[in-house]
Amino acid sequence: MNFKIRAAKQDDCKDISRMIMELAEYEKMSDQVKLSYQELERDGFCPNPFFECLVAEVPEEHTSEEGHTIVGYALFFYTYSTWKGRSMHLEDLYVMPGFRGKGIGKDLMTKVAQVGKEKQCVRLNLTVLDWNTPSLNFYVAKGAQDLTTSEGWHFLRYDGQALDKLANEAPKD
């Protein structure tokens, strides 16, 4: 199948938002998505963007049943390792079900890696749900290390009231 991987444009945010919801439904967490396409536009296409995104686009003759030409995306951002230096985190990699198995996911993933290497990143980090065996197998087959068992890392999060409480405990200036 003919497709191209390119940097997302602000006009793609509605499609990216649609696919974020599709991914959340697959992950059985659609009730947790609170982000709008307007926030994607604001946060990804400002002078100091919080993320970068690549999209997979097919020609008009290969549109999805719903009429979409944007059929996949990879959203990532930069982090820093105090042990290794420049790093990146892949937040989402998604390809619409009807377009899987055609190399789109592989090309999105390898393009993210290429972007990172061009920016001298030494690591690409990502998380996978424990039940998502197809994705886990895909990443491991591409050389990813599962640090859950090999190094014993736990992935933790503060949000909502826990984040508010933590921030309120900060020393006053």
N, C-alpha and C. Protein backbone atom coordinates (compact mmCIF):
# COMPACT_ATOMS: atom_id res chain seq x y z
N MET A 1 0.84 -1.19 0.00
CA MET A 1 0.00 0.00 0.00
C MET A 1 0.88 1.24 0.00
N ASN A 2 0.49 2.22 -0.73
CA ASN A 2 1.20 3.48 -0.84
C ASN A 2 0.78 4.38 0.33
N PHE A 3 1.75 4.90 1.09
CA PHE A 3 1.49 5.85 2.17
C PHE A 3 2.74 6.66 2.39
N LYS A 4 2.60 7.78 3.10
CA LYS A 4 3.77 8.57 3.45
C LYS A 4 3.71 8.95 4.92
N ILE A 5 4.88 9.04 5.51
CA ILE A 5 5.04 9.49 6.89
C ILE A 5 5.54 10.92 6.81
N ARG A 6 4.89 11.81 7.52
CA ARG A 6 5.29 13.21 7.50
C ARG A 6 5.05 13.84 8.86
N ALA A 7 5.67 14.99 9.07
CA ALA A 7 5.42 15.75 10.29
C ALA A 7 3.98 16.23 10.29
N ALA A 8 3.35 16.15 11.44
CA ALA A 8 1.97 16.62 11.55
C ALA A 8 1.92 18.14 11.39
N LYS A 9 0.81 18.60 10.85
CA LYS A 9 0.54 20.02 10.73
C LYS A 9 -0.63 20.35 11.66
N GLN A 10 -0.80 21.60 11.95
CA GLN A 10 -1.88 22.02 12.84
C GLN A 10 -3.24 21.54 12.32
N ASP A 11 -3.40 21.53 11.01
CA ASP A 11 -4.67 21.07 10.42
C ASP A 11 -4.94 19.59 10.67
N ASP A 12 -3.93 18.83 11.08
CA ASP A 12 -4.10 17.40 11.33
C ASP A 12 -4.65 17.11 12.74
N CYS A 13 -4.76 18.10 13.58
CA CYS A 13 -5.10 17.86 14.98
C CYS A 13 -6.47 17.21 15.17
N LYS A 14 -7.43 17.50 14.33
CA LYS A 14 -8.73 16.83 14.46
C LYS A 14 -8.59 15.33 14.20
N ASP A 15 -7.80 14.97 13.19
CA ASP A 15 -7.56 13.55 12.91
C ASP A 15 -6.76 12.89 14.02
N ILE A 16 -5.76 13.59 14.54
CA ILE A 16 -4.96 13.04 15.63
C ILE A 16 -5.86 12.83 16.85
N SER A 17 -6.69 13.80 17.15
CA SER A 17 -7.63 13.69 18.27
C SER A 17 -8.56 12.50 18.09
N ARG A 18 -9.06 12.31 16.89
CA ARG A 18 -9.92 11.16 16.59
C ARG A 18 -9.20 9.85 16.86
N MET A 19 -7.95 9.76 16.42
CA MET A 19 -7.19 8.52 16.62
C MET A 19 -6.77 8.33 18.07
N ILE A 20 -6.55 9.41 18.81
CA ILE A 20 -6.29 9.29 20.25
C ILE A 20 -7.47 8.61 20.91
N MET A 21 -8.68 9.00 20.53
CA MET A 21 -9.88 8.37 21.11
C MET A 21 -9.99 6.91 20.67
N GLU A 22 -9.66 6.62 19.42
CA GLU A 22 -9.68 5.22 18.96
C GLU A 22 -8.70 4.37 19.76
N LEU A 23 -7.50 4.91 20.00
CA LEU A 23 -6.50 4.20 20.78
C LEU A 23 -7.00 4.00 22.22
N ALA A 24 -7.58 5.03 22.79
CA ALA A 24 -8.10 4.93 24.16
C ALA A 24 -9.21 3.89 24.26
N GLU A 25 -10.05 3.79 23.23
CA GLU A 25 -11.09 2.77 23.22
C GLU A 25 -10.47 1.38 23.16
N TYR A 26 -9.44 1.21 22.34
CA TYR A 26 -8.73 -0.07 22.26
C TYR A 26 -8.12 -0.43 23.61
N GLU A 27 -7.60 0.57 24.29
CA GLU A 27 -6.96 0.35 25.59
C GLU A 27 -7.97 0.29 26.74
N LYS A 28 -9.25 0.39 26.41
CA LYS A 28 -10.34 0.33 27.39
C LYS A 28 -10.25 1.46 28.41
N MET A 29 -9.86 2.66 27.93
CA MET A 29 -9.68 3.81 28.80
C MET A 29 -10.25 5.09 28.19
N SER A 30 -11.25 4.97 27.32
CA SER A 30 -11.76 6.15 26.63
C SER A 30 -12.36 7.18 27.58
N ASP A 31 -12.80 6.74 28.75
CA ASP A 31 -13.36 7.68 29.72
C ASP A 31 -12.30 8.61 30.30
N GLN A 32 -11.03 8.31 30.10
CA GLN A 32 -9.96 9.13 30.66
C GLN A 32 -9.48 10.23 29.70
N VAL A 33 -9.91 10.19 28.45
CA VAL A 33 -9.47 11.19 27.48
C VAL A 33 -10.24 12.48 27.71
N LYS A 34 -9.51 13.54 28.05
CA LYS A 34 -10.11 14.86 28.30
C LYS A 34 -9.57 15.91 27.34
N LEU A 35 -8.63 15.52 26.51
CA LEU A 35 -7.92 16.45 25.63
C LEU A 35 -8.73 16.72 24.37
N SER A 36 -8.79 17.97 23.96
CA SER A 36 -9.48 18.35 22.73
C SER A 36 -8.47 18.61 21.62
N TYR A 37 -8.96 18.66 20.39
CA TYR A 37 -8.05 18.96 19.28
C TYR A 37 -7.51 20.38 19.42
N GLN A 38 -8.29 21.28 20.04
CA GLN A 38 -7.82 22.66 20.24
C GLN A 38 -6.59 22.68 21.16
N GLU A 39 -6.59 21.81 22.17
CA GLU A 39 -5.44 21.75 23.07
C GLU A 39 -4.23 21.16 22.35
N LEU A 40 -4.46 20.19 21.47
CA LEU A 40 -3.37 19.66 20.65
C LEU A 40 -2.78 20.78 19.78
N GLU A 41 -3.65 21.57 19.18
CA GLU A 41 -3.18 22.68 18.35
C GLU A 41 -2.35 23.66 19.19
N ARG A 42 -2.87 24.00 20.37
CA ARG A 42 -2.18 24.96 21.25
C ARG A 42 -0.83 24.42 21.72
N ASP A 43 -0.80 23.16 22.15
CA ASP A 43 0.39 22.62 22.79
C ASP A 43 1.44 22.08 21.82
N GLY A 44 1.02 21.73 20.61
CA GLY A 44 1.97 21.17 19.66
C GLY A 44 2.43 22.12 18.58
N PHE A 45 1.76 23.25 18.46
CA PHE A 45 2.07 24.16 17.36
C PHE A 45 2.22 25.59 17.88
N CYS A 46 2.98 25.71 18.95
CA CYS A 46 3.27 26.99 19.58
C CYS A 46 4.78 27.24 19.48
N PRO A 47 5.26 28.39 19.93
CA PRO A 47 6.71 28.65 19.82
C PRO A 47 7.60 27.61 20.52
N ASN A 48 7.15 27.06 21.64
CA ASN A 48 7.90 26.02 22.35
C ASN A 48 6.99 24.81 22.55
N PRO A 49 6.82 24.01 21.50
CA PRO A 49 5.84 22.91 21.58
C PRO A 49 6.19 21.88 22.65
N PHE A 50 5.13 21.33 23.26
CA PHE A 50 5.27 20.31 24.28
C PHE A 50 5.46 18.92 23.67
N PHE A 51 5.14 18.77 22.40
CA PHE A 51 5.29 17.47 21.74
C PHE A 51 5.52 17.67 20.26
N GLU A 52 5.95 16.59 19.61
CA GLU A 52 6.01 16.53 18.16
C GLU A 52 5.17 15.33 17.73
N CYS A 53 4.76 15.33 16.49
CA CYS A 53 3.90 14.25 16.02
C CYS A 53 4.18 13.99 14.55
N LEU A 54 4.19 12.71 14.21
CA LEU A 54 4.25 12.28 12.82
C LEU A 54 2.92 11.65 12.48
N VAL A 55 2.50 11.78 11.24
CA VAL A 55 1.28 11.12 10.79
C VAL A 55 1.56 10.26 9.58
N ALA A 56 0.73 9.23 9.44
CA ALA A 56 0.76 8.38 8.25
C ALA A 56 -0.42 8.76 7.39
N GLU A 57 -0.16 9.06 6.14
CA GLU A 57 -1.20 9.53 5.23
C GLU A 57 -1.25 8.63 3.99
N VAL A 58 -2.45 8.23 3.64
CA VAL A 58 -2.65 7.43 2.43
C VAL A 58 -3.27 8.31 1.36
N PRO A 59 -3.10 7.96 0.08
CA PRO A 59 -3.74 8.73 -0.99
C PRO A 59 -5.25 8.55 -0.96
N GLU A 60 -5.93 9.45 -1.60
CA GLU A 60 -7.41 9.46 -1.63
C GLU A 60 -8.00 8.10 -2.02
N GLU A 61 -7.34 7.39 -2.93
CA GLU A 61 -7.90 6.11 -3.39
C GLU A 61 -7.84 5.01 -2.33
N HIS A 62 -7.12 5.28 -1.23
CA HIS A 62 -7.02 4.29 -0.15
C HIS A 62 -7.64 4.78 1.15
N THR A 63 -8.54 5.74 1.08
CA THR A 63 -9.14 6.26 2.31
C THR A 63 -9.80 5.14 3.11
N SER A 64 -9.94 5.40 4.40
CA SER A 64 -10.62 4.44 5.28
C SER A 64 -12.10 4.40 4.92
N GLU A 65 -12.81 3.43 5.47
CA GLU A 65 -14.26 3.33 5.22
C GLU A 65 -14.98 4.60 5.62
N GLU A 66 -14.42 5.32 6.62
CA GLU A 66 -15.03 6.57 7.09
C GLU A 66 -14.56 7.78 6.28
N GLY A 67 -13.66 7.56 5.32
CA GLY A 67 -13.20 8.64 4.47
C GLY A 67 -11.94 9.36 4.94
N HIS A 68 -11.20 8.76 5.86
CA HIS A 68 -9.99 9.39 6.39
C HIS A 68 -8.76 9.03 5.56
N THR A 69 -7.90 10.02 5.37
CA THR A 69 -6.61 9.76 4.72
C THR A 69 -5.47 9.73 5.74
N ILE A 70 -5.66 10.31 6.91
CA ILE A 70 -4.70 10.22 8.00
C ILE A 70 -5.07 8.97 8.79
N VAL A 71 -4.20 7.94 8.73
CA VAL A 71 -4.57 6.63 9.26
C VAL A 71 -3.67 6.15 10.39
N GLY A 72 -2.71 6.96 10.79
CA GLY A 72 -1.84 6.60 11.90
C GLY A 72 -1.08 7.81 12.39
N TYR A 73 -0.56 7.69 13.62
CA TYR A 73 0.23 8.78 14.17
C TYR A 73 1.21 8.25 15.21
N ALA A 74 2.26 9.01 15.44
CA ALA A 74 3.21 8.77 16.52
C ALA A 74 3.44 10.12 17.19
N LEU A 75 3.11 10.20 18.48
CA LEU A 75 3.27 11.43 19.24
C LEU A 75 4.37 11.22 20.26
N PHE A 76 5.35 12.13 20.29
CA PHE A 76 6.51 11.97 21.15
C PHE A 76 6.99 13.32 21.66
N PHE A 77 7.84 13.27 22.68
CA PHE A 77 8.42 14.48 23.24
C PHE A 77 9.81 14.15 23.79
N TYR A 78 10.56 15.20 24.10
CA TYR A 78 11.94 15.04 24.54
C TYR A 78 12.02 15.07 26.06
N THR A 79 12.91 14.24 26.59
CA THR A 79 13.19 14.18 28.01
C THR A 79 14.69 14.21 28.19
N TYR A 80 15.13 14.04 29.42
CA TYR A 80 16.56 14.05 29.68
C TYR A 80 16.89 13.02 30.74
N SER A 81 17.87 12.19 30.46
CA SER A 81 18.34 11.20 31.42
C SER A 81 19.58 11.74 32.12
N THR A 82 19.54 11.77 33.44
CA THR A 82 20.71 12.24 34.17
C THR A 82 21.87 11.26 34.08
N TRP A 83 21.62 10.08 33.56
CA TRP A 83 22.68 9.09 33.39
C TRP A 83 23.21 9.07 31.96
N LYS A 84 22.33 9.34 30.98
CA LYS A 84 22.70 9.15 29.57
C LYS A 84 22.60 10.40 28.71
N GLY A 85 21.76 11.37 29.10
CA GLY A 85 21.61 12.59 28.31
C GLY A 85 20.30 12.66 27.56
N ARG A 86 20.35 13.23 26.37
CA ARG A 86 19.15 13.48 25.58
C ARG A 86 18.37 12.20 25.31
N SER A 87 17.08 12.27 25.55
CA SER A 87 16.19 11.12 25.37
C SER A 87 14.88 11.59 24.80
N MET A 88 14.07 10.63 24.40
CA MET A 88 12.72 10.95 23.94
C MET A 88 11.76 9.91 24.47
N HIS A 89 10.50 10.32 24.57
CA HIS A 89 9.44 9.43 25.05
C HIS A 89 8.37 9.35 23.97
N LEU A 90 8.07 8.13 23.55
CA LEU A 90 6.99 7.90 22.60
C LEU A 90 5.71 7.72 23.40
N GLU A 91 4.83 8.69 23.34
CA GLU A 91 3.58 8.63 24.10
C GLU A 91 2.58 7.70 23.44
N ASP A 92 2.40 7.85 22.13
CA ASP A 92 1.45 7.02 21.39
C ASP A 92 2.02 6.63 20.03
N LEU A 93 1.74 5.40 19.65
CA LEU A 93 1.94 4.93 18.28
C LEU A 93 0.67 4.19 17.93
N TYR A 94 -0.03 4.68 16.90
CA TYR A 94 -1.34 4.09 16.56
C TYR A 94 -1.51 4.05 15.06
N VAL A 95 -2.05 2.92 14.60
CA VAL A 95 -2.45 2.76 13.20
C VAL A 95 -3.88 2.22 13.22
N MET A 96 -4.73 2.79 12.42
CA MET A 96 -6.13 2.35 12.35
C MET A 96 -6.17 0.86 11.98
N PRO A 97 -7.10 0.10 12.56
CA PRO A 97 -7.13 -1.36 12.34
C PRO A 97 -7.08 -1.79 10.88
N GLY A 98 -7.80 -1.13 10.01
CA GLY A 98 -7.83 -1.53 8.60
C GLY A 98 -6.52 -1.31 7.86
N PHE A 99 -5.57 -0.64 8.50
CA PHE A 99 -4.31 -0.31 7.86
C PHE A 99 -3.11 -0.97 8.53
N ARG A 100 -3.37 -1.84 9.47
CA ARG A 100 -2.29 -2.54 10.17
C ARG A 100 -1.74 -3.67 9.30
N GLY A 101 -0.50 -4.04 9.57
CA GLY A 101 0.14 -5.12 8.82
C GLY A 101 0.64 -4.69 7.46
N LYS A 102 0.70 -3.39 7.21
CA LYS A 102 1.15 -2.88 5.92
C LYS A 102 2.46 -2.10 6.03
N GLY A 103 3.08 -2.14 7.21
CA GLY A 103 4.35 -1.45 7.41
C GLY A 103 4.22 -0.03 7.92
N ILE A 104 3.01 0.45 8.15
CA ILE A 104 2.81 1.83 8.59
C ILE A 104 3.36 2.03 10.01
N GLY A 105 3.03 1.12 10.92
CA GLY A 105 3.52 1.23 12.29
C GLY A 105 5.04 1.18 12.36
N LYS A 106 5.63 0.26 11.60
CA LYS A 106 7.08 0.14 11.54
C LYS A 106 7.71 1.43 11.03
N ASP A 107 7.13 2.00 9.97
CA ASP A 107 7.69 3.22 9.41
C ASP A 107 7.52 4.41 10.35
N LEU A 108 6.39 4.48 11.07
CA LEU A 108 6.22 5.54 12.07
C LEU A 108 7.29 5.40 13.15
N MET A 109 7.47 4.18 13.63
CA MET A 109 8.43 3.92 14.70
C MET A 109 9.86 4.25 14.27
N THR A 110 10.24 3.80 13.09
CA THR A 110 11.60 4.04 12.64
C THR A 110 11.84 5.52 12.35
N LYS A 111 10.82 6.22 11.90
CA LYS A 111 10.96 7.65 11.65
C LYS A 111 11.12 8.42 12.97
N VAL A 112 10.38 8.01 14.01
CA VAL A 112 10.57 8.62 15.34
C VAL A 112 12.02 8.43 15.78
N ALA A 113 12.53 7.21 15.63
CA ALA A 113 13.92 6.92 16.01
C ALA A 113 14.89 7.79 15.22
N GLN A 114 14.62 7.95 13.93
CA GLN A 114 15.50 8.78 13.08
C GLN A 114 15.49 10.23 13.55
N VAL A 115 14.30 10.76 13.85
CA VAL A 115 14.20 12.13 14.36
C VAL A 115 15.02 12.27 15.64
N GLY A 116 14.90 11.30 16.53
CA GLY A 116 15.65 11.34 17.78
C GLY A 116 17.15 11.30 17.56
N LYS A 117 17.61 10.42 16.68
CA LYS A 117 19.04 10.33 16.40
C LYS A 117 19.56 11.65 15.80
N GLU A 118 18.75 12.28 14.95
CA GLU A 118 19.16 13.55 14.36
C GLU A 118 19.32 14.63 15.43
N LYS A 119 18.59 14.49 16.54
CA LYS A 119 18.68 15.45 17.65
C LYS A 119 19.61 14.92 18.75
N GLN A 120 20.40 13.92 18.42
CA GLN A 120 21.41 13.33 19.30
C GLN A 120 20.81 12.70 20.56
N CYS A 121 19.60 12.16 20.45
CA CYS A 121 19.02 11.42 21.56
C CYS A 121 19.67 10.05 21.65
N VAL A 122 19.86 9.57 22.87
CA VAL A 122 20.49 8.27 23.08
C VAL A 122 19.49 7.21 23.55
N ARG A 123 18.27 7.63 23.82
CA ARG A 123 17.23 6.70 24.29
C ARG A 123 15.88 7.06 23.71
N LEU A 124 15.09 6.03 23.51
CA LEU A 124 13.67 6.19 23.17
C LEU A 124 12.90 5.33 24.16
N ASN A 125 12.15 5.99 25.03
CA ASN A 125 11.37 5.30 26.06
C ASN A 125 9.91 5.26 25.67
N LEU A 126 9.21 4.22 26.11
CA LEU A 126 7.77 4.12 25.88
C LEU A 126 7.19 3.16 26.90
N THR A 127 5.88 3.19 27.04
CA THR A 127 5.19 2.26 27.94
C THR A 127 4.16 1.49 27.13
N VAL A 128 3.89 0.26 27.59
CA VAL A 128 2.91 -0.61 26.95
C VAL A 128 2.09 -1.25 28.05
N LEU A 129 0.78 -1.31 27.85
CA LEU A 129 -0.08 -1.99 28.82
C LEU A 129 0.29 -3.47 28.91
N ASP A 130 0.22 -4.03 30.10
CA ASP A 130 0.68 -5.41 30.29
C ASP A 130 -0.08 -6.43 29.48
N TRP A 131 -1.33 -6.16 29.11
CA TRP A 131 -2.12 -7.12 28.33
C TRP A 131 -1.96 -6.93 26.81
N ASN A 132 -1.28 -5.86 26.40
CA ASN A 132 -1.17 -5.54 24.97
C ASN A 132 0.00 -6.30 24.34
N THR A 133 -0.15 -7.60 24.26
CA THR A 133 0.91 -8.47 23.76
C THR A 133 1.31 -8.15 22.32
N PRO A 134 0.36 -7.86 21.41
CA PRO A 134 0.81 -7.54 20.03
C PRO A 134 1.76 -6.35 19.98
N SER A 135 1.46 -5.29 20.73
CA SER A 135 2.34 -4.12 20.73
C SER A 135 3.67 -4.44 21.41
N LEU A 136 3.61 -5.11 22.55
CA LEU A 136 4.84 -5.47 23.26
C LEU A 136 5.75 -6.31 22.36
N ASN A 137 5.18 -7.29 21.69
CA ASN A 137 5.97 -8.14 20.78
C ASN A 137 6.56 -7.32 19.63
N PHE A 138 5.79 -6.37 19.10
CA PHE A 138 6.26 -5.50 18.02
C PHE A 138 7.50 -4.72 18.47
N TYR A 139 7.42 -4.08 19.64
CA TYR A 139 8.55 -3.28 20.13
C TYR A 139 9.76 -4.14 20.44
N VAL A 140 9.55 -5.27 21.09
CA VAL A 140 10.67 -6.16 21.44
C VAL A 140 11.33 -6.69 20.16
N ALA A 141 10.52 -7.02 19.16
CA ALA A 141 11.08 -7.50 17.89
C ALA A 141 11.95 -6.44 17.22
N LYS A 142 11.67 -5.18 17.50
CA LYS A 142 12.46 -4.08 16.95
C LYS A 142 13.66 -3.73 17.84
N GLY A 143 13.85 -4.48 18.94
CA GLY A 143 15.03 -4.28 19.77
C GLY A 143 14.79 -3.59 21.10
N ALA A 144 13.55 -3.28 21.44
CA ALA A 144 13.27 -2.64 22.74
C ALA A 144 13.57 -3.60 23.88
N GLN A 145 14.00 -3.06 25.00
CA GLN A 145 14.23 -3.84 26.21
C GLN A 145 13.05 -3.62 27.15
N ASP A 146 12.52 -4.70 27.71
CA ASP A 146 11.45 -4.60 28.70
C ASP A 146 12.11 -4.43 30.07
N LEU A 147 12.12 -3.20 30.58
CA LEU A 147 12.80 -2.90 31.84
C LEU A 147 11.99 -3.31 33.06
N THR A 148 10.74 -3.72 32.86
CA THR A 148 9.90 -4.10 33.98
C THR A 148 10.55 -5.20 34.80
N THR A 149 11.02 -6.23 34.15
CA THR A 149 11.62 -7.34 34.87
C THR A 149 13.15 -7.23 34.92
N SER A 150 13.77 -6.73 33.86
CA SER A 150 15.24 -6.71 33.84
C SER A 150 15.82 -5.71 34.83
N GLU A 151 15.15 -4.57 35.03
CA GLU A 151 15.68 -3.56 35.95
C GLU A 151 14.72 -3.24 37.10
N GLY A 152 13.49 -3.73 37.02
CA GLY A 152 12.54 -3.55 38.11
C GLY A 152 11.93 -2.17 38.25
N TRP A 153 11.91 -1.39 37.17
CA TRP A 153 11.33 -0.04 37.24
C TRP A 153 9.82 -0.10 37.37
N HIS A 154 9.27 0.83 38.16
CA HIS A 154 7.83 1.05 38.24
C HIS A 154 7.54 2.41 37.61
N PHE A 155 6.48 2.50 36.87
CA PHE A 155 6.06 3.74 36.23
C PHE A 155 5.03 4.38 37.16
N LEU A 156 5.30 5.58 37.67
CA LEU A 156 4.42 6.25 38.64
C LEU A 156 3.88 7.54 38.05
N ARG A 157 2.76 8.01 38.62
CA ARG A 157 2.12 9.22 38.11
C ARG A 157 1.45 9.97 39.27
N TYR A 158 1.57 11.29 39.24
CA TYR A 158 0.76 12.17 40.07
C TYR A 158 -0.20 12.88 39.13
N ASP A 159 -1.48 12.90 39.45
CA ASP A 159 -2.43 13.71 38.69
C ASP A 159 -3.58 14.11 39.61
N GLY A 160 -4.44 14.99 39.10
CA GLY A 160 -5.61 15.42 39.85
C GLY A 160 -5.27 15.94 41.24
N GLN A 161 -6.00 15.45 42.24
CA GLN A 161 -5.82 15.92 43.62
C GLN A 161 -4.43 15.60 44.16
N ALA A 162 -3.87 14.47 43.77
CA ALA A 162 -2.53 14.12 44.25
C ALA A 162 -1.49 15.13 43.75
N LEU A 163 -1.61 15.57 42.50
CA LEU A 163 -0.70 16.58 41.97
C LEU A 163 -0.93 17.92 42.65
N ASP A 164 -2.21 18.28 42.82
CA ASP A 164 -2.54 19.53 43.52
C ASP A 164 -1.94 19.54 44.92
N LYS A 165 -2.13 18.45 45.65
CA LYS A 165 -1.62 18.35 47.02
C LYS A 165 -0.10 18.48 47.05
N LEU A 166 0.57 17.79 46.15
CA LEU A 166 2.03 17.85 46.09
C LEU A 166 2.50 19.27 45.79
N ALA A 167 1.87 19.92 44.82
CA ALA A 167 2.24 21.29 44.45
C ALA A 167 1.99 22.26 45.60
N ASN A 168 0.92 22.05 46.34
CA ASN A 168 0.59 22.93 47.47
C ASN A 168 1.58 22.79 48.62
N GLU A 169 2.34 21.69 48.64
CA GLU A 169 3.35 21.48 49.69
C GLU A 169 4.69 22.12 49.35
N ALA A 170 4.78 22.75 48.19
CA ALA A 170 6.04 23.38 47.78
C ALA A 170 6.36 24.55 48.71
N PRO A 171 7.64 24.76 48.98
CA PRO A 171 8.00 25.89 49.82
C PRO A 171 7.58 27.22 49.17
N LYS A 172 7.18 28.14 49.99
CA LYS A 172 6.76 29.46 49.48
C LYS A 172 7.98 30.27 49.12
N ASP A 173 7.87 31.05 48.03
CA ASP A 173 9.00 31.88 47.57
C ASP A 173 9.22 33.06 48.49
